[in-house]
N, C-alpha and C. Protein backbone atom coordinates (compact mmCIF):
# COMPACT_ATOMS: atom_id res chain seq x y z
N MET A 1 -68.03 142.15 222.02
CA MET A 1 -66.80 142.89 221.81
C MET A 1 -66.57 143.06 220.31
N GLN A 2 -66.22 144.27 219.93
CA GLN A 2 -65.98 144.58 218.51
C GLN A 2 -64.69 143.90 218.05
N GLU A 3 -64.78 143.32 216.86
CA GLU A 3 -63.59 142.71 216.26
C GLU A 3 -63.12 143.64 215.14
N PHE A 4 -61.85 143.98 215.18
CA PHE A 4 -61.29 144.84 214.15
C PHE A 4 -61.00 144.02 212.90
N GLY A 5 -60.93 144.70 211.78
CA GLY A 5 -60.74 144.02 210.50
C GLY A 5 -59.52 143.12 210.45
N PHE A 6 -58.40 143.59 210.98
CA PHE A 6 -57.18 142.80 210.92
C PHE A 6 -57.30 141.49 211.70
N GLU A 7 -58.16 141.48 212.74
CA GLU A 7 -58.32 140.28 213.56
C GLU A 7 -58.97 139.13 212.81
N LYS A 8 -59.60 139.44 211.69
CA LYS A 8 -60.26 138.43 210.87
C LYS A 8 -59.31 137.77 209.88
N LEU A 9 -58.14 138.35 209.70
CA LEU A 9 -57.19 137.87 208.70
C LEU A 9 -56.43 136.65 209.20
N ILE A 10 -56.40 135.61 208.39
CA ILE A 10 -55.65 134.41 208.76
C ILE A 10 -54.17 134.73 208.93
N VAL A 11 -53.63 135.57 208.07
CA VAL A 11 -52.20 135.90 208.15
C VAL A 11 -51.88 136.62 209.46
N TRP A 12 -52.80 137.46 209.94
CA TRP A 12 -52.57 138.12 211.23
C TRP A 12 -52.63 137.09 212.36
N LYS A 13 -53.63 136.21 212.33
CA LYS A 13 -53.77 135.18 213.36
C LYS A 13 -52.54 134.28 213.40
N GLU A 14 -52.09 133.85 212.23
CA GLU A 14 -50.92 132.97 212.17
C GLU A 14 -49.64 133.67 212.65
N SER A 15 -49.49 134.93 212.28
CA SER A 15 -48.28 135.65 212.71
C SER A 15 -48.33 135.97 214.20
N LYS A 16 -49.52 136.21 214.74
CA LYS A 16 -49.65 136.41 216.18
C LYS A 16 -49.28 135.13 216.92
N ASN A 17 -49.75 133.99 216.40
CA ASN A 17 -49.42 132.71 217.01
C ASN A 17 -47.92 132.42 216.93
N LEU A 18 -47.30 132.79 215.80
CA LEU A 18 -45.86 132.63 215.68
C LEU A 18 -45.15 133.47 216.73
N CYS A 19 -45.60 134.68 216.92
CA CYS A 19 -45.01 135.58 217.93
C CYS A 19 -45.08 134.93 219.32
N LEU A 20 -46.23 134.39 219.66
CA LEU A 20 -46.39 133.74 220.96
C LEU A 20 -45.47 132.53 221.09
N LEU A 21 -45.34 131.77 220.02
CA LEU A 21 -44.42 130.62 220.02
C LEU A 21 -42.97 131.05 220.23
N ILE A 22 -42.59 132.13 219.54
CA ILE A 22 -41.22 132.64 219.66
C ILE A 22 -40.95 133.09 221.10
N TYR A 23 -41.90 133.81 221.68
CA TYR A 23 -41.73 134.24 223.07
C TYR A 23 -41.56 133.04 224.00
N ASP A 24 -42.41 132.03 223.81
CA ASP A 24 -42.34 130.84 224.65
C ASP A 24 -41.02 130.10 224.44
N LEU A 25 -40.66 129.90 223.20
CA LEU A 25 -39.45 129.16 222.85
C LEU A 25 -38.18 129.84 223.37
N THR A 26 -38.14 131.16 223.27
CA THR A 26 -36.92 131.86 223.68
C THR A 26 -36.75 131.89 225.19
N ASN A 27 -37.77 131.49 225.93
CA ASN A 27 -37.60 131.35 227.38
C ASN A 27 -36.56 130.28 227.73
N THR A 28 -36.29 129.39 226.77
CA THR A 28 -35.30 128.33 227.00
C THR A 28 -33.89 128.73 226.54
N PHE A 29 -33.76 129.88 225.90
CA PHE A 29 -32.45 130.33 225.44
C PHE A 29 -31.58 130.69 226.66
N PRO A 30 -30.27 130.61 226.49
CA PRO A 30 -29.38 130.96 227.60
C PRO A 30 -29.61 132.39 228.08
N SER A 31 -29.47 132.61 229.37
CA SER A 31 -29.68 133.95 229.94
C SER A 31 -28.69 134.96 229.37
N LYS A 32 -27.52 134.49 228.94
CA LYS A 32 -26.53 135.41 228.35
C LYS A 32 -27.04 136.03 227.05
N GLU A 33 -28.10 135.45 226.47
CA GLU A 33 -28.67 135.96 225.22
C GLU A 33 -29.84 136.90 225.45
N LYS A 34 -30.14 137.22 226.71
CA LYS A 34 -31.29 138.05 227.03
C LYS A 34 -31.33 139.34 226.22
N PHE A 35 -30.18 139.99 226.07
CA PHE A 35 -30.11 141.25 225.33
C PHE A 35 -29.49 141.07 223.95
N GLY A 36 -29.35 139.82 223.55
CA GLY A 36 -28.82 139.50 222.23
C GLY A 36 -29.90 138.94 221.34
N ILE A 37 -29.72 137.69 220.98
CA ILE A 37 -30.63 137.08 220.02
C ILE A 37 -32.05 136.94 220.54
N THR A 38 -32.22 136.73 221.85
CA THR A 38 -33.57 136.63 222.41
C THR A 38 -34.35 137.92 222.19
N LEU A 39 -33.74 139.03 222.53
CA LEU A 39 -34.39 140.33 222.34
C LEU A 39 -34.68 140.58 220.86
N GLN A 40 -33.71 140.29 220.01
CA GLN A 40 -33.85 140.58 218.58
C GLN A 40 -34.96 139.77 217.92
N ILE A 41 -35.00 138.48 218.21
CA ILE A 41 -36.01 137.63 217.57
C ILE A 41 -37.40 137.94 218.11
N ARG A 42 -37.49 138.29 219.38
CA ARG A 42 -38.79 138.66 219.95
C ARG A 42 -39.31 139.95 219.32
N LYS A 43 -38.43 140.93 219.16
CA LYS A 43 -38.83 142.19 218.55
C LYS A 43 -39.31 141.96 217.12
N ALA A 44 -38.55 141.19 216.37
CA ALA A 44 -38.90 140.93 214.97
C ALA A 44 -40.23 140.18 214.88
N ALA A 45 -40.41 139.18 215.73
CA ALA A 45 -41.65 138.39 215.72
C ALA A 45 -42.84 139.27 216.12
N PHE A 46 -42.64 140.16 217.06
CA PHE A 46 -43.70 141.06 217.51
C PHE A 46 -44.13 142.02 216.41
N PHE A 47 -43.16 142.48 215.61
CA PHE A 47 -43.46 143.45 214.58
C PHE A 47 -44.25 142.88 213.42
N VAL A 48 -44.24 141.56 213.22
CA VAL A 48 -44.98 140.99 212.09
C VAL A 48 -46.49 141.22 212.24
N PRO A 49 -47.14 140.69 213.28
CA PRO A 49 -48.59 140.95 213.38
C PRO A 49 -48.90 142.42 213.64
N ASN A 50 -48.02 143.09 214.35
CA ASN A 50 -48.22 144.50 214.65
C ASN A 50 -48.29 145.33 213.36
N ASN A 51 -47.37 145.08 212.45
CA ASN A 51 -47.35 145.85 211.21
C ASN A 51 -48.40 145.40 210.20
N ILE A 52 -48.84 144.14 210.30
CA ILE A 52 -49.97 143.72 209.47
C ILE A 52 -51.20 144.51 209.90
N ALA A 53 -51.42 144.58 211.21
CA ALA A 53 -52.57 145.33 211.73
C ALA A 53 -52.52 146.79 211.28
N GLU A 54 -51.34 147.38 211.38
CA GLU A 54 -51.20 148.77 210.96
C GLU A 54 -51.36 148.92 209.45
N GLY A 55 -50.76 148.01 208.70
CA GLY A 55 -50.80 148.12 207.25
C GLY A 55 -52.19 148.02 206.65
N VAL A 56 -52.96 147.05 207.10
CA VAL A 56 -54.29 146.88 206.51
C VAL A 56 -55.26 147.97 206.95
N SER A 57 -54.90 148.72 207.98
CA SER A 57 -55.78 149.80 208.43
C SER A 57 -55.54 151.11 207.67
N ARG A 58 -54.53 151.12 206.83
CA ARG A 58 -54.27 152.31 206.01
C ARG A 58 -55.39 152.51 205.01
N HIS A 59 -55.58 153.76 204.59
CA HIS A 59 -56.73 154.08 203.73
C HIS A 59 -56.51 153.75 202.27
N SER A 60 -55.35 154.04 201.75
CA SER A 60 -55.14 153.79 200.32
C SER A 60 -54.46 152.44 200.11
N ASN A 61 -54.74 151.84 198.97
CA ASN A 61 -54.10 150.57 198.63
C ASN A 61 -52.59 150.73 198.50
N LYS A 62 -52.15 151.89 198.02
CA LYS A 62 -50.72 152.14 197.90
C LYS A 62 -50.06 152.11 199.28
N ASP A 63 -50.68 152.75 200.26
CA ASP A 63 -50.15 152.72 201.63
C ASP A 63 -50.19 151.31 202.20
N LYS A 64 -51.26 150.59 201.92
CA LYS A 64 -51.37 149.22 202.44
C LYS A 64 -50.24 148.35 201.91
N THR A 65 -49.99 148.42 200.61
CA THR A 65 -48.92 147.58 200.05
C THR A 65 -47.56 147.99 200.57
N ARG A 66 -47.35 149.29 200.73
CA ARG A 66 -46.07 149.77 201.26
C ARG A 66 -45.87 149.29 202.69
N PHE A 67 -46.90 149.38 203.50
CA PHE A 67 -46.79 148.98 204.90
C PHE A 67 -46.70 147.46 205.07
N LEU A 68 -47.21 146.71 204.11
CA LEU A 68 -47.13 145.25 204.21
C LEU A 68 -45.75 144.72 203.82
N ASP A 69 -44.90 145.58 203.27
CA ASP A 69 -43.50 145.19 203.05
C ASP A 69 -42.76 145.10 204.39
N ILE A 70 -43.16 145.88 205.36
CA ILE A 70 -42.48 145.94 206.66
C ILE A 70 -42.58 144.60 207.40
N PRO A 71 -43.80 144.02 207.55
CA PRO A 71 -43.83 142.74 208.25
C PRO A 71 -43.12 141.61 207.51
N TYR A 72 -43.05 141.72 206.18
CA TYR A 72 -42.31 140.70 205.43
C TYR A 72 -40.83 140.77 205.80
N GLY A 73 -40.30 141.97 205.89
CA GLY A 73 -38.91 142.14 206.30
C GLY A 73 -38.67 141.62 207.70
N SER A 74 -39.61 141.88 208.60
CA SER A 74 -39.49 141.37 209.98
C SER A 74 -39.55 139.85 210.00
N LEU A 75 -40.37 139.27 209.15
CA LEU A 75 -40.47 137.82 209.06
C LEU A 75 -39.14 137.22 208.60
N MET A 76 -38.48 137.88 207.67
CA MET A 76 -37.17 137.41 207.22
C MET A 76 -36.12 137.55 208.34
N GLU A 77 -36.28 138.56 209.15
CA GLU A 77 -35.40 138.73 210.30
C GLU A 77 -35.61 137.58 211.30
N VAL A 78 -36.86 137.18 211.50
CA VAL A 78 -37.15 136.06 212.40
C VAL A 78 -36.49 134.79 211.89
N ILE A 79 -36.62 134.50 210.60
CA ILE A 79 -36.03 133.27 210.07
C ILE A 79 -34.51 133.31 210.18
N ASN A 80 -33.93 134.47 209.95
CA ASN A 80 -32.48 134.59 210.10
C ASN A 80 -32.06 134.30 211.54
N CYS A 81 -32.78 134.85 212.50
CA CYS A 81 -32.47 134.60 213.91
C CYS A 81 -32.66 133.13 214.26
N LEU A 82 -33.66 132.49 213.66
CA LEU A 82 -33.87 131.07 213.91
C LEU A 82 -32.73 130.22 213.36
N ILE A 83 -32.26 130.58 212.18
CA ILE A 83 -31.13 129.86 211.58
C ILE A 83 -29.93 129.94 212.51
N ILE A 84 -29.62 131.14 212.96
CA ILE A 84 -28.48 131.34 213.86
C ILE A 84 -28.70 130.60 215.18
N SER A 85 -29.92 130.68 215.72
CA SER A 85 -30.24 130.00 216.98
C SER A 85 -30.08 128.49 216.84
N TYR A 86 -30.50 127.96 215.71
CA TYR A 86 -30.36 126.53 215.46
C TYR A 86 -28.89 126.14 215.38
N GLU A 87 -28.11 126.94 214.66
CA GLU A 87 -26.67 126.63 214.52
C GLU A 87 -25.92 126.78 215.84
N LEU A 88 -26.44 127.63 216.72
CA LEU A 88 -25.85 127.77 218.06
C LEU A 88 -26.36 126.68 219.02
N LYS A 89 -27.23 125.82 218.49
CA LYS A 89 -27.82 124.72 219.26
C LYS A 89 -28.75 125.19 220.37
N TYR A 90 -29.40 126.35 220.16
CA TYR A 90 -30.41 126.83 221.09
C TYR A 90 -31.77 126.22 220.78
N LEU A 91 -31.89 125.63 219.57
CA LEU A 91 -33.14 125.02 219.12
C LEU A 91 -32.89 123.58 218.73
N ILE A 92 -33.87 122.72 219.02
CA ILE A 92 -33.78 121.36 218.50
C ILE A 92 -34.32 121.37 217.07
N GLU A 93 -33.93 120.37 216.32
CA GLU A 93 -34.27 120.34 214.90
C GLU A 93 -35.78 120.35 214.66
N ASP A 94 -36.55 119.61 215.45
CA ASP A 94 -38.00 119.57 215.25
C ASP A 94 -38.63 120.96 215.39
N ASN A 95 -38.23 121.70 216.41
CA ASN A 95 -38.75 123.06 216.60
C ASN A 95 -38.34 123.97 215.45
N TYR A 96 -37.09 123.86 215.07
CA TYR A 96 -36.56 124.68 213.98
C TYR A 96 -37.33 124.44 212.68
N LEU A 97 -37.51 123.17 212.32
CA LEU A 97 -38.20 122.84 211.07
C LEU A 97 -39.68 123.23 211.13
N SER A 98 -40.30 123.05 212.26
CA SER A 98 -41.70 123.45 212.43
C SER A 98 -41.86 124.95 212.27
N LEU A 99 -40.97 125.72 212.85
CA LEU A 99 -41.03 127.18 212.74
C LEU A 99 -40.76 127.64 211.32
N ARG A 100 -39.83 126.99 210.64
CA ARG A 100 -39.57 127.33 209.23
C ARG A 100 -40.82 127.12 208.39
N LYS A 101 -41.52 126.04 208.66
CA LYS A 101 -42.75 125.74 207.92
C LYS A 101 -43.81 126.81 208.18
N LYS A 102 -43.97 127.21 209.42
CA LYS A 102 -44.93 128.26 209.77
C LYS A 102 -44.57 129.57 209.08
N ILE A 103 -43.29 129.91 209.08
CA ILE A 103 -42.84 131.16 208.46
C ILE A 103 -43.07 131.12 206.96
N SER A 104 -42.84 129.99 206.35
CA SER A 104 -43.08 129.85 204.92
C SER A 104 -44.56 130.09 204.60
N SER A 105 -45.43 129.53 205.42
CA SER A 105 -46.87 129.71 205.23
C SER A 105 -47.28 131.17 205.42
N ILE A 106 -46.76 131.81 206.46
CA ILE A 106 -47.08 133.22 206.72
C ILE A 106 -46.56 134.09 205.59
N SER A 107 -45.38 133.79 205.11
CA SER A 107 -44.79 134.54 204.00
C SER A 107 -45.70 134.47 202.77
N TYR A 108 -46.19 133.29 202.48
CA TYR A 108 -47.09 133.09 201.34
C TYR A 108 -48.38 133.91 201.52
N LEU A 109 -48.98 133.81 202.71
CA LEU A 109 -50.22 134.53 202.99
C LEU A 109 -50.02 136.04 202.93
N LEU A 110 -48.90 136.49 203.44
CA LEU A 110 -48.59 137.93 203.44
C LEU A 110 -48.41 138.43 202.02
N THR A 111 -47.75 137.66 201.19
CA THR A 111 -47.56 138.05 199.79
C THR A 111 -48.91 138.11 199.06
N LYS A 112 -49.76 137.12 199.32
CA LYS A 112 -51.10 137.12 198.71
C LYS A 112 -51.92 138.34 199.16
N LEU A 113 -51.85 138.65 200.44
CA LEU A 113 -52.57 139.82 200.95
C LEU A 113 -52.06 141.10 200.29
N LYS A 114 -50.75 141.25 200.24
CA LYS A 114 -50.17 142.44 199.62
C LYS A 114 -50.58 142.54 198.15
N ASN A 115 -50.52 141.43 197.43
CA ASN A 115 -50.90 141.43 196.03
C ASN A 115 -52.37 141.79 195.81
N SER A 116 -53.20 141.50 196.79
CA SER A 116 -54.63 141.81 196.66
C SER A 116 -54.89 143.32 196.68
N PHE A 117 -53.94 144.08 197.18
CA PHE A 117 -54.10 145.53 197.24
C PHE A 117 -53.42 146.24 196.07
N GLU A 118 -52.69 145.49 195.26
CA GLU A 118 -51.97 146.12 194.13
C GLU A 118 -52.85 146.22 192.90
C-alpha cells in the first residue's frame, strides 16, 4: 500500500492520535453536550491532522506555511475546549494534564514543520 508523504510526519501521526483520544474521551461527556462542546472539540481535533495533510501537499512553500497556520489555530481551539471541559468537571485532572502535554508537543512539532518551509 502506498504511503503518502504526510503519513510519514511525526506531527501528523501525533495529531491523528490526539484526534482519536479526543473522540474516545468525549464519549464520556454528558449527552446534553452532544451538540455543544463534544461536537466542537471533535471538529477542532479532526481538523488538525486533516489540515496538516492538506498543508504539506501544497506545491509552494508559501502555501504550505499559510495552510499550516490553520491546524495550529484548531489545536488552540482544542486546548480551549479542554480547559472549559476540565472546569466543567467533564475531565479528570490526569486526562486533562496528559492532553495538555500532548498538545504542547504537537504545537512544537507543527511550529518546527512550518518554519522548515519558510
